[in-house]
Amino acid sequence: MSALLAVETLEVIYHRTITAVQGINLTVRPGQIVAILGTNGAGKTTTLRAISGFLGIDDARVTEGTITFKGQRIENRPPHEIARSGIALVPEREKVFPNLTVSENLSAVIAAGAGRAGRRQREEAIIALFPRLGDLRARVAGLLSGGERQMLAIASALMCQPELLLVDELSLGLAPVVVEDLMMRLKQIRDQLRITIVIVEQSTTVALAVADYGYVLENGRVVLDGDRARLLSHGDIQEFYLGHTSGDRRSYREVKQYRRSRRWYG
């Protein structure tokens, strides 16, 4: 099956001097849920913003490599062009319009070529995935709980009728039971709406509960990738990302370098 999204040897530089990611390669196939994993500062969000076109807000730019979506190059294109091509982003910050109601937030998103009837039908299909939002249509978004705001952010992105949904740090600041529910809803979105999904997560446990494939980033590079079974059974993932060890946590890259030096010189 051909790739829906292909990122090849991606390099992103901030403020024309700071290299944030270097040599990133990843592939997303239609119908997959793909996780981009790693600790804070690993380059996960930068990679997602490069795909969605939102690098400019942080004075950053793709300086090397390519991002190809449905066979078309999209790196360094503005966000509205990338959105029209079929990619929607649920950002880590500024997820909803806080002064608008739930219904107004959904109505504020206009999918290309969607008439009033089509948009209404789309909204009802999305509300069916998030029944809680149906009960809160008249509630001002700023008064919603964290989990409800995350639901609304995802629902608003779905109103764009994307083929690829990008979700940045879904679990951040939410209770585990809420995160579990939202992750299951992402699977429903993939299965019922046939939307491919890329999630960025610090919580490897959360992401690998639903992801088909994952990429582990450290210091702006991919250090490991594989399907869910391979990552869950991998000793380094268990030790450094799933917490199946004791003692101080060092980075994946630090430990791999240490092991190589022991093997070569020990």
C-alpha atoms as a PDB file:
ATOM      1  CA  MET A   1       0.000   0.000   0.000  1.00  0.00           C
ATOM      2  CA  SER A   2       1.408   3.389  -0.967  1.00  0.00           C
ATOM      3  CA  ALA A   3       2.058   6.047   1.651  1.00  0.00           C
ATOM      4  CA  LEU A   4      -0.519   8.729   2.392  1.00  0.00           C
ATOM      5  CA  LEU A   5       2.196  10.814   4.052  1.00  0.00           C
ATOM      6  CA  ALA A   6       5.955  10.493   3.634  1.00  0.00           C
ATOM      7  CA  VAL A   7       8.538  12.552   5.517  1.00  0.00           C
ATOM      8  CA  GLU A   8      12.085  12.140   4.219  1.00  0.00           C
ATOM      9  CA  THR A   9      15.313  13.433   5.783  1.00  0.00           C
ATOM     10  CA  LEU A  10      13.456  16.340   7.356  1.00  0.00           C
ATOM     11  CA  GLU A  11      15.441  19.191   8.880  1.00  0.00           C
ATOM     12  CA  VAL A  12      13.801  22.140  10.660  1.00  0.00           C
ATOM     13  CA  ILE A  13      15.669  25.224  11.841  1.00  0.00           C
ATOM     14  CA  TYR A  14      14.331  27.829  14.283  1.00  0.00           C
ATOM     15  CA  HIS A  15      15.375  31.492  14.129  1.00  0.00           C
ATOM     16  CA  ARG A  16      17.713  30.610  11.223  1.00  0.00           C
ATOM     17  CA  THR A  17      20.258  29.111  13.627  1.00  0.00           C
ATOM     18  CA  ILE A  18      18.814  26.379  15.881  1.00  0.00           C
ATOM     19  CA  THR A  19      18.353  22.895  14.405  1.00  0.00           C
ATOM     20  CA  ALA A  20      15.274  21.316  16.004  1.00  0.00           C
ATOM     21  CA  VAL A  21      14.966  18.094  14.006  1.00  0.00           C
ATOM     22  CA  GLN A  22      17.474  16.524  11.665  1.00  0.00           C
ATOM     23  CA  GLY A  23      17.103  13.626   9.259  1.00  0.00           C
ATOM     24  CA  ILE A  24      13.582  12.610  10.313  1.00  0.00           C
ATOM     25  CA  ASN A  25      12.061   9.843   8.165  1.00  0.00           C
ATOM     26  CA  LEU A  26       8.560   8.515   8.711  1.00  0.00           C
ATOM     27  CA  THR A  27       5.773   6.976   6.661  1.00  0.00           C
ATOM     28  CA  VAL A  28       2.025   6.970   7.307  1.00  0.00           C
ATOM     29  CA  ARG A  29      -0.187   4.614   5.314  1.00  0.00           C
ATOM     30  CA  PRO A  30      -3.956   5.018   4.794  1.00  0.00           C
ATOM     31  CA  GLY A  31      -6.006   3.757   7.725  1.00  0.00           C
ATOM     32  CA  GLN A  32      -3.158   3.716  10.233  1.00  0.00           C
ATOM     33  CA  ILE A  33      -2.843   5.337  13.617  1.00  0.00           C
ATOM     34  CA  VAL A  34       0.821   6.333  13.870  1.00  0.00           C
ATOM     35  CA  ALA A  35       2.417   7.600  17.086  1.00  0.00           C
ATOM     36  CA  ILE A  36       5.367   9.969  17.322  1.00  0.00           C
ATOM     37  CA  LEU A  37       6.872   9.324  20.742  1.00  0.00           C
ATOM     38  CA  GLY A  38       9.557  10.854  22.913  1.00  0.00           C
ATOM     39  CA  THR A  39      10.240  13.029  25.910  1.00  0.00           C
ATOM     40  CA  ASN A  40       9.730  16.781  26.088  1.00  0.00           C
ATOM     41  CA  GLY A  41      12.008  18.548  23.600  1.00  0.00           C
ATOM     42  CA  ALA A  42      12.575  15.486  21.424  1.00  0.00           C
ATOM     43  CA  GLY A  43      11.209  17.200  18.303  1.00  0.00           C
ATOM     44  CA  LYS A  44       7.725  15.673  18.214  1.00  0.00           C
ATOM     45  CA  THR A  45       5.678  18.868  18.034  1.00  0.00           C
ATOM     46  CA  THR A  46       8.140  20.439  15.588  1.00  0.00           C
ATOM     47  CA  THR A  47       7.645  17.474  13.259  1.00  0.00           C
ATOM     48  CA  LEU A  48       3.869  17.807  13.518  1.00  0.00           C
ATOM     49  CA  ARG A  49       3.993  21.547  12.838  1.00  0.00           C
ATOM     50  CA  ALA A  50       6.197  20.969   9.829  1.00  0.00           C
ATOM     51  CA  ILE A  51       3.570  18.607   8.413  1.00  0.00           C
ATOM     52  CA  SER A  52       0.675  20.981   9.174  1.00  0.00           C
ATOM     53  CA  GLY A  53       2.426  24.161   8.038  1.00  0.00           C
ATOM     54  CA  PHE A  54       2.343  25.906  11.425  1.00  0.00           C
ATOM     55  CA  LEU A  55       6.107  26.348  11.755  1.00  0.00           C
ATOM     56  CA  GLY A  56       5.936  30.012  10.788  1.00  0.00           C
ATOM     57  CA  ILE A  57       4.323  31.060  14.064  1.00  0.00           C
ATOM     58  CA  ASP A  58       7.568  30.090  15.807  1.00  0.00           C
ATOM     59  CA  ASP A  59       9.940  31.541  13.185  1.00  0.00           C
ATOM     60  CA  ALA A  60      10.931  28.102  11.924  1.00  0.00           C
ATOM     61  CA  ARG A  61      11.307  26.578   8.479  1.00  0.00           C
ATOM     62  CA  VAL A  62      11.975  23.253   6.766  1.00  0.00           C
ATOM     63  CA  THR A  63      15.487  23.702   5.409  1.00  0.00           C
ATOM     64  CA  GLU A  64      16.156  20.193   4.086  1.00  0.00           C
ATOM     65  CA  GLY A  65      14.144  17.130   3.161  1.00  0.00           C
ATOM     66  CA  THR A  66      10.613  16.676   1.857  1.00  0.00           C
ATOM     67  CA  ILE A  67       7.073  16.186   3.153  1.00  0.00           C
ATOM     68  CA  THR A  68       4.799  14.491   0.630  1.00  0.00           C
ATOM     69  CA  PHE A  69       1.025  14.114   1.093  1.00  0.00           C
ATOM     70  CA  LYS A  70      -0.991  12.170  -1.493  1.00  0.00           C
ATOM     71  CA  GLY A  71       1.972  12.451  -3.853  1.00  0.00           C
ATOM     72  CA  GLN A  72       2.294  16.243  -3.555  1.00  0.00           C
ATOM     73  CA  ARG A  73       5.102  18.149  -1.841  1.00  0.00           C
ATOM     74  CA  ILE A  74       3.771  20.304   1.011  1.00  0.00           C
ATOM     75  CA  GLU A  75       6.792  21.409   3.049  1.00  0.00           C
ATOM     76  CA  ASN A  76       6.810  25.137   3.857  1.00  0.00           C
ATOM     77  CA  ARG A  77       3.341  25.673   2.403  1.00  0.00           C
ATOM     78  CA  PRO A  78       1.008  27.898   4.478  1.00  0.00           C
ATOM     79  CA  PRO A  79      -1.399  26.175   6.875  1.00  0.00           C
ATOM     80  CA  HIS A  80      -4.569  27.050   4.924  1.00  0.00           C
ATOM     81  CA  GLU A  81      -3.222  25.352   1.779  1.00  0.00           C
ATOM     82  CA  ILE A  82      -2.253  22.236   3.714  1.00  0.00           C
ATOM     83  CA  ALA A  83      -5.665  22.174   5.409  1.00  0.00           C
ATOM     84  CA  ARG A  84      -7.376  22.354   2.009  1.00  0.00           C
ATOM     85  CA  SER A  85      -5.293  19.415   0.832  1.00  0.00           C
ATOM     86  CA  GLY A  86      -6.867  17.241   3.569  1.00  0.00           C
ATOM     87  CA  ILE A  87      -4.780  17.629   6.747  1.00  0.00           C
ATOM     88  CA  ALA A  88      -6.236  18.928  10.037  1.00  0.00           C
ATOM     89  CA  LEU A  89      -4.314  19.679  13.227  1.00  0.00           C
ATOM     90  CA  VAL A  90      -5.520  19.457  16.827  1.00  0.00           C
ATOM     91  CA  PRO A  91      -2.856  21.626  18.484  1.00  0.00           C
ATOM     92  CA  GLU A  92      -1.374  21.330  21.941  1.00  0.00           C
ATOM     93  CA  ARG A  93      -2.361  24.918  22.745  1.00  0.00           C
ATOM     94  CA  GLU A  94      -5.221  27.253  21.849  1.00  0.00           C
ATOM     95  CA  LYS A  95      -7.520  24.353  21.053  1.00  0.00           C
ATOM     96  CA  VAL A  96     -10.915  26.125  20.905  1.00  0.00           C
ATOM     97  CA  PHE A  97     -12.522  29.580  20.712  1.00  0.00           C
ATOM     98  CA  PRO A  98     -13.228  30.143  24.429  1.00  0.00           C
ATOM     99  CA  ASN A  99     -15.820  32.894  23.954  1.00  0.00           C
ATOM    100  CA  LEU A 100     -17.947  30.883  21.513  1.00  0.00           C
ATOM    101  CA  THR A 101     -20.380  28.131  22.366  1.00  0.00           C
ATOM    102  CA  VAL A 102     -19.759  24.525  21.446  1.00  0.00           C
ATOM    103  CA  SER A 103     -22.170  24.846  18.517  1.00  0.00           C
ATOM    104  CA  GLU A 104     -20.522  28.082  17.359  1.00  0.00           C
ATOM    105  CA  ASN A 105     -17.074  26.488  17.527  1.00  0.00           C
ATOM    106  CA  LEU A 106     -18.235  23.724  15.208  1.00  0.00           C
ATOM    107  CA  SER A 107     -19.992  26.152  12.876  1.00  0.00           C
ATOM    108  CA  ALA A 108     -16.873  28.328  12.663  1.00  0.00           C
ATOM    109  CA  VAL A 109     -15.092  25.604  10.718  1.00  0.00           C
ATOM    110  CA  ILE A 110     -15.984  25.559   7.037  1.00  0.00           C
ATOM    111  CA  ALA A 111     -14.992  22.585   4.915  1.00  0.00           C
ATOM    112  CA  ALA A 112     -14.309  23.350   1.276  1.00  0.00           C
ATOM    113  CA  GLY A 113     -17.362  22.703  -0.892  1.00  0.00           C
ATOM    114  CA  ALA A 114     -19.640  21.920   2.047  1.00  0.00           C
ATOM    115  CA  GLY A 115     -23.131  23.435   1.886  1.00  0.00           C
ATOM    116  CA  ARG A 116     -25.332  24.094   4.890  1.00  0.00           C
ATOM    117  CA  ALA A 117     -27.046  20.702   4.689  1.00  0.00           C
ATOM    118  CA  GLY A 118     -23.766  18.874   4.257  1.00  0.00           C
ATOM    119  CA  ARG A 119     -22.196  20.702   7.174  1.00  0.00           C
ATOM    120  CA  ARG A 120     -25.178  19.922   9.398  1.00  0.00           C
ATOM    121  CA  GLN A 121     -24.978  16.259   8.453  1.00  0.00           C
ATOM    122  CA  ARG A 122     -21.263  16.270   9.199  1.00  0.00           C
ATOM    123  CA  GLU A 123     -21.835  17.894  12.585  1.00  0.00           C
ATOM    124  CA  GLU A 124     -24.407  15.287  13.567  1.00  0.00           C
ATOM    125  CA  ALA A 125     -22.055  12.458  12.598  1.00  0.00           C
ATOM    126  CA  ILE A 126     -19.318  13.994  14.731  1.00  0.00           C
ATOM    127  CA  ILE A 127     -21.658  14.623  17.683  1.00  0.00           C
ATOM    128  CA  ALA A 128     -22.550  10.922  17.512  1.00  0.00           C
ATOM    129  CA  LEU A 129     -18.883  10.205  18.266  1.00  0.00           C
ATOM    130  CA  PHE A 130     -18.900  12.718  21.140  1.00  0.00           C
ATOM    131  CA  PRO A 131     -22.421  12.603  22.642  1.00  0.00           C
ATOM    132  CA  ARG A 132     -21.298  14.786  25.544  1.00  0.00           C
ATOM    133  CA  LEU A 133     -20.859  17.693  23.129  1.00  0.00           C
ATOM    134  CA  GLY A 134     -24.448  17.284  22.030  1.00  0.00           C
ATOM    135  CA  ASP A 135     -25.531  17.959  25.609  1.00  0.00           C
ATOM    136  CA  LEU A 136     -23.291  21.025  25.744  1.00  0.00           C
ATOM    137  CA  ARG A 137     -24.110  22.753  22.442  1.00  0.00           C
ATOM    138  CA  ALA A 138     -25.088  26.008  24.192  1.00  0.00           C
ATOM    139  CA  ARG A 139     -22.193  25.980  26.696  1.00  0.00           C
ATOM    140  CA  VAL A 140     -19.426  28.554  26.217  1.00  0.00           C
ATOM    141  CA  ALA A 141     -16.248  26.655  25.362  1.00  0.00           C
ATOM    142  CA  GLY A 142     -14.204  28.498  27.972  1.00  0.00           C
ATOM    143  CA  LEU A 143     -16.353  26.884  30.673  1.00  0.00           C
ATOM    144  CA  LEU A 144     -15.775  23.319  29.510  1.00  0.00           C
ATOM    145  CA  SER A 145     -13.584  20.870  31.381  1.00  0.00           C
ATOM    146  CA  GLY A 146     -10.199  19.921  29.949  1.00  0.00           C
ATOM    147  CA  GLY A 147     -11.544  16.679  28.524  1.00  0.00           C
ATOM    148  CA  GLU A 148     -14.558  18.417  27.004  1.00  0.00           C
ATOM    149  CA  ARG A 149     -12.323  21.044  25.378  1.00  0.00           C
ATOM    150  CA  GLN A 150     -10.203  18.269  23.908  1.00  0.00           C
ATOM    151  CA  MET A 151     -13.342  16.602  22.527  1.00  0.00           C
ATOM    152  CA  LEU A 152     -14.426  19.904  20.991  1.00  0.00           C
ATOM    153  CA  ALA A 153     -10.984  20.498  19.487  1.00  0.00           C
ATOM    154  CA  ILE A 154     -11.040  17.093  17.817  1.00  0.00           C
ATOM    155  CA  ALA A 155     -14.640  17.590  16.667  1.00  0.00           C
ATOM    156  CA  SER A 156     -13.778  20.995  15.178  1.00  0.00           C
ATOM    157  CA  ALA A 157     -10.863  19.485  13.263  1.00  0.00           C
ATOM    158  CA  LEU A 158     -13.145  16.760  11.928  1.00  0.00           C
ATOM    159  CA  MET A 159     -15.501  19.417  10.559  1.00  0.00           C
ATOM    160  CA  CYS A 160     -12.743  20.175   8.017  1.00  0.00           C
ATOM    161  CA  GLN A 161     -13.331  16.686   6.550  1.00  0.00           C
ATOM    162  CA  PRO A 162      -9.657  15.724   6.692  1.00  0.00           C
ATOM    163  CA  GLU A 163      -8.075  12.592   5.316  1.00  0.00           C
ATOM    164  CA  LEU A 164      -5.254  12.927   7.858  1.00  0.00           C
ATOM    165  CA  LEU A 165      -5.818  14.071  11.450  1.00  0.00           C
ATOM    166  CA  LEU A 166      -2.819  15.279  13.487  1.00  0.00           C
ATOM    167  CA  VAL A 167      -3.276  15.286  17.278  1.00  0.00           C
ATOM    168  CA  ASP A 168      -0.656  16.959  19.483  1.00  0.00           C
ATOM    169  CA  GLU A 169      -0.350  15.790  23.125  1.00  0.00           C
ATOM    170  CA  LEU A 170      -3.916  14.598  23.637  1.00  0.00           C
ATOM    171  CA  SER A 171      -3.210  13.350  27.166  1.00  0.00           C
ATOM    172  CA  LEU A 172      -1.567  16.514  28.504  1.00  0.00           C
ATOM    173  CA  GLY A 173      -3.161  17.604  31.787  1.00  0.00           C
ATOM    174  CA  LEU A 174      -6.044  15.136  31.633  1.00  0.00           C
ATOM    175  CA  ALA A 175      -7.051  12.386  34.041  1.00  0.00           C
ATOM    176  CA  PRO A 176      -6.147   8.838  32.905  1.00  0.00           C
ATOM    177  CA  VAL A 177      -9.794   7.767  32.596  1.00  0.00           C
ATOM    178  CA  VAL A 178     -10.491  10.748  30.303  1.00  0.00           C
ATOM    179  CA  VAL A 179      -7.410   9.992  28.190  1.00  0.00           C
ATOM    180  CA  GLU A 180      -8.433   6.353  27.806  1.00  0.00           C
ATOM    181  CA  ASP A 181     -11.876   7.412  26.610  1.00  0.00           C
ATOM    182  CA  LEU A 182     -10.456   9.917  24.104  1.00  0.00           C
ATOM    183  CA  MET A 183      -8.006   7.379  22.716  1.00  0.00           C
ATOM    184  CA  MET A 184     -10.800   4.905  22.127  1.00  0.00           C
ATOM    185  CA  ARG A 185     -12.699   7.632  20.293  1.00  0.00           C
ATOM    186  CA  LEU A 186      -9.694   8.167  18.029  1.00  0.00           C
ATOM    187  CA  LYS A 187      -9.966   4.507  17.057  1.00  0.00           C
ATOM    188  CA  GLN A 188     -13.654   5.041  16.309  1.00  0.00           C
ATOM    189  CA  ILE A 189     -12.786   8.046  14.137  1.00  0.00           C
ATOM    190  CA  ARG A 190     -10.308   5.927  12.197  1.00  0.00           C
ATOM    191  CA  ASP A 191     -12.704   3.004  11.824  1.00  0.00           C
ATOM    192  CA  GLN A 192     -16.018   4.847  11.240  1.00  0.00           C
ATOM    193  CA  LEU A 193     -14.894   7.955   9.361  1.00  0.00           C
ATOM    194  CA  ARG A 194     -11.918   6.258   7.666  1.00  0.00           C
ATOM    195  CA  ILE A 195      -9.519   8.991   8.716  1.00  0.00           C
ATOM    196  CA  THR A 196      -5.815   8.293   9.116  1.00  0.00           C
ATOM    197  CA  ILE A 197      -4.356   9.643  12.368  1.00  0.00           C
ATOM    198  CA  VAL A 198      -0.938  10.755  13.616  1.00  0.00           C
ATOM    199  CA  ILE A 199      -0.647  11.346  17.362  1.00  0.00           C
ATOM    200  CA  VAL A 200       2.208  13.023  19.222  1.00  0.00           C
ATOM    201  CA  GLU A 201       2.556  11.785  22.797  1.00  0.00           C
ATOM    202  CA  GLN A 202       4.969  11.869  25.704  1.00  0.00           C
ATOM    203  CA  SER A 203       3.063   8.959  27.232  1.00  0.00           C
ATOM    204  CA  THR A 204       4.218   5.860  25.382  1.00  0.00           C
ATOM    205  CA  THR A 205       1.738   3.692  27.286  1.00  0.00           C
ATOM    206  CA  VAL A 206      -1.177   5.856  26.161  1.00  0.00           C
ATOM    207  CA  ALA A 207      -0.083   6.034  22.531  1.00  0.00           C
ATOM    208  CA  LEU A 208       0.723   2.352  22.069  1.00  0.00           C
ATOM    209  CA  ALA A 209      -2.703   1.392  23.396  1.00  0.00           C
ATOM    210  CA  VAL A 210      -4.117   2.490  20.029  1.00  0.00           C
ATOM    211  CA  ALA A 211      -1.256   3.049  17.564  1.00  0.00           C
ATOM    212  CA  ASP A 212      -0.477   0.586  14.788  1.00  0.00           C
ATOM    213  CA  TYR A 213       3.053   1.922  14.334  1.00  0.00           C
ATOM    214  CA  GLY A 214       5.344   4.241  16.260  1.00  0.00           C
ATOM    215  CA  TYR A 215       8.460   6.359  15.870  1.00  0.00           C
ATOM    216  CA  VAL A 216      10.593   7.224  18.904  1.00  0.00           C
ATOM    217  CA  LEU A 217      12.377  10.584  18.735  1.00  0.00           C
ATOM    218  CA  GLU A 218      15.266  11.821  20.849  1.00  0.00           C
ATOM    219  CA  ASN A 219      17.175  15.051  20.253  1.00  0.00           C
ATOM    220  CA  GLY A 220      15.451  15.654  16.931  1.00  0.00           C
ATOM    221  CA  ARG A 221      16.179  12.241  15.417  1.00  0.00           C
ATOM    222  CA  VAL A 222      14.342   8.927  15.061  1.00  0.00           C
ATOM    223  CA  VAL A 223      16.115   6.410  17.297  1.00  0.00           C
ATOM    224  CA  LEU A 224      13.667   3.522  16.949  1.00  0.00           C
ATOM    225  CA  ASP A 225      10.529   2.622  15.026  1.00  0.00           C
ATOM    226  CA  GLY A 226       8.274  -0.370  14.625  1.00  0.00           C
ATOM    227  CA  ASP A 227       4.767  -1.721  14.928  1.00  0.00           C
ATOM    228  CA  ARG A 228       2.984  -1.801  18.288  1.00  0.00           C
ATOM    229  CA  ALA A 229       4.055  -5.350  19.136  1.00  0.00           C
ATOM    230  CA  ARG A 230       7.716  -4.675  18.404  1.00  0.00           C
ATOM    231  CA  LEU A 231       7.817  -1.480  20.442  1.00  0.00           C
ATOM    232  CA  LEU A 232       5.929  -2.928  23.417  1.00  0.00           C
ATOM    233  CA  SER A 233       8.276  -5.915  23.559  1.00  0.00           C
ATOM    234  CA  HIS A 234      11.480  -3.955  22.939  1.00  0.00           C
ATOM    235  CA  GLY A 235      13.713  -3.926  25.996  1.00  0.00           C
ATOM    236  CA  ASP A 236      14.783  -0.309  25.606  1.00  0.00           C
ATOM    237  CA  ILE A 237      11.179   0.887  25.281  1.00  0.00           C
ATOM    238  CA  GLN A 238      10.187  -1.093  28.354  1.00  0.00           C
ATOM    239  CA  GLU A 239      13.106   0.299  30.322  1.00  0.00           C
ATOM    240  CA  PHE A 240      13.092   3.952  29.314  1.00  0.00           C
ATOM    241  CA  TYR A 241       9.523   4.689  28.209  1.00  0.00           C
ATOM    242  CA  LEU A 242       7.253   2.217  29.964  1.00  0.00           C
ATOM    243  CA  GLY A 243       8.955   2.494  33.348  1.00  0.00           C
ATOM    244  CA  HIS A 244       9.769  -1.194  33.759  1.00  0.00           C
ATOM    245  CA  THR A 245      12.947  -0.420  35.688  1.00  0.00           C
ATOM    246  CA  SER A 246      14.183   1.371  38.772  1.00  0.00           C
ATOM    247  CA  GLY A 247      16.664   4.169  39.269  1.00  0.00           C
ATOM    248  CA  ASP A 248      17.230   7.457  37.480  1.00  0.00           C
ATOM    249  CA  ARG A 249      15.996   7.681  33.921  1.00  0.00           C
ATOM    250  CA  ARG A 250      18.606   8.509  31.321  1.00  0.00           C
ATOM    251  CA  SER A 251      17.772   9.151  27.707  1.00  0.00           C
ATOM    252  CA  TYR A 252      17.493   6.363  25.173  1.00  0.00           C
ATOM    253  CA  ARG A 253      20.330   7.864  23.136  1.00  0.00           C
ATOM    254  CA  GLU A 254      22.653   8.230  26.149  1.00  0.00           C
ATOM    255  CA  VAL A 255      22.222   4.591  27.093  1.00  0.00           C
ATOM    256  CA  LYS A 256      22.635   3.321  23.532  1.00  0.00           C
ATOM    257  CA  GLN A 257      25.889   5.292  23.218  1.00  0.00           C
ATOM    258  CA  TYR A 258      27.061   3.883  26.554  1.00  0.00           C
ATOM    259  CA  ARG A 259      26.304   0.336  25.448  1.00  0.00           C
ATOM    260  CA  ARG A 260      28.123   0.830  22.143  1.00  0.00           C
ATOM    261  CA  SER A 261      31.221   2.195  23.926  1.00  0.00           C
ATOM    262  CA  ARG A 262      31.197  -0.794  26.315  1.00  0.00           C
ATOM    263  CA  ARG A 263      30.922  -3.180  23.366  1.00  0.00           C
ATOM    264  CA  TRP A 264      33.714  -1.533  21.399  1.00  0.00           C
ATOM    265  CA  TYR A 265      36.161  -0.707  24.165  1.00  0.00           C
ATOM    266  CA  GLY A 266      35.095  -2.736  27.181  1.00  0.00           C
END
